[in-house]
Protein backbone atom coordinates (compact mmCIF):
# COMPACT_ATOMS: atom_id res chain seq x y z
CA MET A 1 0.00 0.00 0.00
CA THR A 2 1.34 3.44 -0.96
CA GLY A 3 2.24 5.69 1.95
CA LYS A 4 1.01 9.23 2.49
CA LEU A 5 2.97 12.30 1.42
CA THR A 6 3.02 15.28 3.76
CA GLY A 7 4.16 18.64 2.44
CA VAL A 8 5.99 20.38 5.28
CA GLY A 9 6.61 24.11 5.37
CA ILE A 10 9.88 24.63 7.23
CA GLY A 11 9.85 28.41 7.42
CA PRO A 12 12.29 30.97 6.01
CA GLY A 13 15.50 29.03 6.65
CA THR A 14 16.33 28.69 10.34
CA PRO A 15 15.73 25.46 12.31
CA ASP A 16 14.06 27.12 15.29
CA LEU A 17 11.18 28.46 13.18
CA LEU A 18 9.76 25.04 12.30
CA THR A 19 6.44 24.30 13.96
CA VAL A 20 6.04 21.45 16.44
CA ARG A 21 3.75 19.72 13.96
CA ALA A 22 6.37 20.01 11.21
CA VAL A 23 9.08 18.49 13.40
CA ARG A 24 6.83 15.59 14.41
CA ALA A 25 6.03 14.80 10.77
CA ILE A 26 9.72 14.87 9.77
CA ARG A 27 10.75 12.62 12.65
CA ALA A 28 8.07 10.07 11.73
CA ALA A 29 8.89 9.93 8.01
CA LYS A 30 10.54 6.99 6.30
CA THR A 31 11.43 9.11 3.27
CA VAL A 32 12.32 12.80 3.08
CA PHE A 33 12.11 14.61 -0.26
CA VAL A 34 14.02 17.87 -0.73
CA PRO A 35 15.01 20.12 -3.65
CA LYS A 36 18.59 19.45 -4.73
CA GLY A 37 21.21 22.05 -3.83
CA LYS A 38 23.61 23.72 -6.23
CA ASN A 39 27.15 22.59 -7.05
CA GLY A 40 26.79 19.33 -5.16
CA LYS A 41 26.05 21.08 -1.85
CA PRO A 42 23.04 20.31 0.37
CA GLY A 43 20.04 22.51 -0.41
CA VAL A 44 18.75 25.10 2.03
CA ALA A 45 15.72 22.98 2.95
CA LEU A 46 17.89 20.00 3.85
CA THR A 47 20.30 22.17 5.83
CA THR A 48 17.48 23.88 7.70
CA ALA A 49 15.62 20.74 8.77
CA GLY A 50 18.57 18.36 8.86
CA GLU A 51 18.74 18.05 12.64
CA TYR A 52 15.16 16.73 12.73
CA ILE A 53 15.59 14.04 10.07
CA PRO A 54 16.01 10.56 11.61
CA GLU A 55 19.11 8.58 10.63
CA THR A 56 16.91 5.75 9.38
CA ALA A 57 15.08 7.97 6.87
CA GLN A 58 15.92 7.88 3.18
CA VAL A 59 16.69 11.36 1.84
CA ILE A 60 15.88 11.91 -1.84
CA GLU A 61 17.09 15.11 -3.48
CA MET A 62 15.24 16.17 -6.62
CA ASP A 63 15.89 18.67 -9.38
CA PHE A 64 13.54 21.62 -9.76
CA PRO A 65 14.57 23.95 -12.62
CA MET A 66 14.82 27.58 -11.53
CA VAL A 67 13.20 29.00 -14.66
CA SER A 68 10.23 31.18 -15.52
CA ILE A 69 6.99 29.22 -15.60
CA SER A 70 5.66 31.16 -18.58
CA GLY A 71 8.84 30.77 -20.60
CA GLU A 72 9.58 27.11 -19.90
CA ALA A 73 6.16 25.54 -19.29
CA ASP A 74 6.86 22.30 -21.18
CA ARG A 75 10.19 21.75 -19.48
CA LEU A 76 8.72 22.39 -16.04
CA ASP A 77 5.73 20.14 -16.67
CA GLU A 78 8.04 17.31 -17.71
CA GLN A 79 10.21 17.75 -14.62
CA TRP A 80 7.23 17.90 -12.24
CA HIS A 81 5.85 14.69 -13.75
CA ALA A 82 9.24 13.01 -13.31
CA ASN A 83 9.53 14.16 -9.69
CA ALA A 84 5.99 13.01 -8.93
CA ASP A 85 6.92 9.56 -10.27
CA ILE A 86 9.97 9.48 -7.98
CA VAL A 87 7.84 10.40 -4.98
CA ARG A 88 5.12 7.88 -5.74
CA GLU A 89 7.63 5.05 -6.15
CA ALA A 90 9.42 5.91 -2.88
CA LEU A 91 6.12 6.02 -0.99
CA GLN A 92 5.78 2.28 -1.56
CA ASN A 93 8.09 1.98 1.46
CA GLY A 94 5.85 4.06 3.75
CA ASP A 95 4.95 7.66 4.56
CA GLY A 96 7.17 10.50 3.38
CA VAL A 97 7.54 14.25 3.78
CA PHE A 98 8.36 16.89 1.21
CA LEU A 99 10.30 19.78 2.74
CA THR A 100 9.79 23.24 1.33
CA LEU A 101 10.99 26.62 2.53
CA GLY A 102 8.35 29.03 3.76
CA ASP A 103 4.81 27.74 3.29
CA PRO A 104 3.98 24.84 0.93
CA MET A 105 1.20 26.84 -0.72
CA VAL A 106 3.15 30.03 -1.39
CA TYR A 107 5.42 29.88 -4.47
CA SER A 108 6.63 26.37 -3.62
CA THR A 109 7.70 23.48 -5.84
CA TYR A 110 5.57 21.12 -3.76
CA SER A 111 2.38 22.91 -4.81
CA TYR A 112 2.96 21.83 -8.42
CA ILE A 113 3.68 18.13 -7.97
CA ILE A 114 0.86 17.60 -5.45
CA ASP A 115 -1.72 17.79 -8.25
CA PHE A 116 0.03 15.04 -10.19
CA LEU A 117 0.15 12.83 -7.10
CA LYS A 118 -3.50 13.38 -6.22
CA SER A 119 -4.54 12.43 -9.76
CA GLN A 120 -2.69 9.14 -9.26
CA GLY A 121 -4.47 8.35 -6.01
CA VAL A 122 -1.69 9.29 -3.58
CA SER A 123 -2.89 10.41 -0.15
CA THR A 124 -1.55 13.85 0.81
CA GLU A 125 -1.50 16.28 3.72
CA THR A 126 -0.01 19.74 4.06
CA ILE A 127 1.53 21.41 7.11
CA PRO A 128 1.83 25.21 6.88
CA GLY A 129 5.04 27.08 7.54
CA ILE A 130 6.14 30.62 8.33
CA THR A 131 6.50 32.63 5.13
CA SER A 132 9.52 34.81 4.40
CA PHE A 133 7.38 37.94 4.42
CA CYS A 134 5.89 37.18 7.84
CA ALA A 135 9.41 36.54 9.12
CA LEU A 136 10.49 39.84 7.53
CA ALA A 137 7.77 41.78 9.35
CA SER A 138 8.74 40.21 12.66
CA ARG A 139 12.43 40.84 12.00
CA LEU A 140 11.75 44.54 11.33
CA GLU A 141 8.97 44.74 13.94
CA ILE A 142 6.84 46.54 11.38
CA PRO A 143 3.27 45.35 10.76
CA LEU A 144 2.43 44.29 7.23
CA THR A 145 -1.08 45.64 7.62
CA GLN A 146 -3.12 47.51 10.20
CA GLY A 147 -6.78 48.40 10.48
CA GLU A 148 -8.43 48.31 7.06
CA GLU A 149 -5.18 48.24 5.06
CA SER A 150 -4.67 45.61 2.38
CA LEU A 151 -1.54 43.70 1.40
CA ALA A 152 -0.47 42.74 -2.12
CA ILE A 153 2.06 40.03 -2.97
CA VAL A 154 3.75 40.24 -6.34
CA SER A 155 6.36 38.08 -8.02
CA MET A 156 8.98 39.78 -10.17
CA THR A 157 8.38 37.10 -12.78
CA GLN A 158 5.26 39.07 -13.78
CA PRO A 159 5.27 41.48 -16.76
CA ASP A 160 6.54 45.01 -16.08
CA ASP A 161 3.14 46.68 -16.42
CA VAL A 162 1.53 44.22 -14.00
CA ILE A 163 4.22 44.85 -11.38
CA ARG A 164 3.94 48.61 -11.87
CA ASP A 165 0.15 48.57 -11.46
CA ILE A 166 0.27 46.45 -8.30
CA VAL A 167 2.86 48.69 -6.67
CA LYS A 168 0.95 51.84 -7.67
CA MET A 169 -2.43 50.60 -6.44
CA ASN A 170 -1.50 49.19 -3.01
CA ARG A 171 -0.25 50.77 0.20
CA ASN A 172 1.62 47.67 1.32
CA VAL A 173 3.37 45.37 -1.14
CA ILE A 174 5.50 42.26 -0.67
CA VAL A 175 7.88 41.59 -3.57
CA MET A 176 9.02 37.99 -4.11
CA LYS A 177 11.60 36.53 -6.50
CA ALA A 178 13.31 39.88 -6.82
CA SER A 179 16.93 38.81 -7.32
CA GLY A 180 16.67 38.38 -11.08
CA ARG A 181 15.02 41.75 -11.75
CA ASN A 182 16.04 43.91 -8.82
CA GLU A 183 17.39 46.67 -11.06
CA PHE A 184 13.97 47.13 -12.67
CA LEU A 185 12.37 47.21 -9.21
CA ALA A 186 14.81 49.90 -8.09
CA GLN A 187 13.99 51.97 -11.16
CA LEU A 188 10.28 51.54 -10.52
CA LEU A 189 10.63 52.69 -6.91
CA GLU A 190 12.49 55.80 -8.08
CA GLU A 191 9.86 56.42 -10.76
CA LEU A 192 7.10 56.31 -8.14
CA GLY A 193 9.03 58.30 -5.53
CA LEU A 194 9.28 55.34 -3.15
CA GLU A 195 13.06 55.28 -2.61
CA GLU A 196 12.60 55.66 1.16
CA GLN A 197 9.53 53.41 1.48
CA PHE A 198 11.02 49.96 1.02
CA CYS A 199 13.19 47.48 2.88
CA ARG A 200 14.96 44.35 1.65
CA VAL A 201 15.74 41.40 3.92
CA SER A 202 17.85 38.60 2.47
CA ASN A 203 18.52 35.14 3.95
CA ILE A 204 16.16 35.87 6.84
CA GLY A 205 17.25 34.29 10.10
CA MET A 206 20.42 32.80 8.62
CA ALA A 207 24.00 33.62 9.55
CA ASN A 208 24.39 35.65 6.33
CA GLU A 209 21.20 37.69 6.79
CA THR A 210 21.30 41.24 5.44
CA VAL A 211 18.84 44.12 5.84
CA SER A 212 18.91 47.20 3.63
CA SER A 213 16.81 50.16 2.57
CA ASP A 214 19.50 51.55 0.28
CA ILE A 215 18.18 52.06 -3.25
CA GLU A 216 21.70 51.92 -4.68
CA GLU A 217 22.29 48.51 -3.11
CA LEU A 218 19.03 47.32 -4.63
CA LYS A 219 20.38 48.19 -8.07
CA GLY A 220 23.32 45.85 -7.54
CA ARG A 221 23.40 42.10 -7.08
CA ILE A 222 21.20 40.83 -4.24
CA PRO A 223 20.92 37.29 -2.79
CA TYR A 224 18.46 34.81 -4.28
CA PHE A 225 16.53 34.50 -1.01
CA SER A 226 15.47 38.13 -0.81
CA THR A 227 12.08 39.49 0.21
CA ILE A 228 11.14 43.15 -0.12
CA LEU A 229 8.51 45.15 1.73
CA ILE A 230 7.16 48.35 0.19
CA LYS A 231 5.18 50.38 2.71
CA LYS A 232 4.09 53.73 1.35
CA GLU A 233 3.25 55.36 4.67
CA TYR A 234 6.47 54.32 6.39
CA GLU A 235 9.94 55.78 5.90
CA PHE A 236 12.72 53.24 6.36
CA GLY A 237 16.18 54.21 7.50
CA ASN A 238 19.20 52.91 5.61
């Protein structure tokens, strides 16, 4: 009988931000699935949750192409199918967990393969995790929203005009996946007069965490794991 797959959100990247429920699921798993790291090194998910993985568990690292969904749809679909097949086969040995940074339902690789698994009759469960933007707000001790304010979340993989409209129309904006197009974001902030109304936090909670509200730094190279808060009624210090 095929085991159950549990998607586990492990938070922004520090072991002490996993929930009790997440740790229990990891410790009970016979198989642990994680995205493969770069250059032969362990991925961030594996490093973050490594201390909770039992020695008896099988760890399976899988490739997830870091490409635009709109530009490489066929390639991504093929890879997600292949990874779903790997997961389904491994679950023949018992229950497994899929570790994903942040929350499994917010820009995660797990959210794509779960549909394939469900269509093949695999039992699934999902455990939420702390998102990078919630961790950012706590790190800065600045509320994302108050009262009747709204919050928009935008990925920099969107077209320029979509990003511009979202930033223009909302008082509070979280920007995800900014590292590939940070120069455009910096130009947009200058265009809208928001040079002092943003803050970037990279590698939240990790030893190499950085915090900056410097527009010139945003124009340069920033880490892959970067989350940006734009808050129009708040002036950040550099």
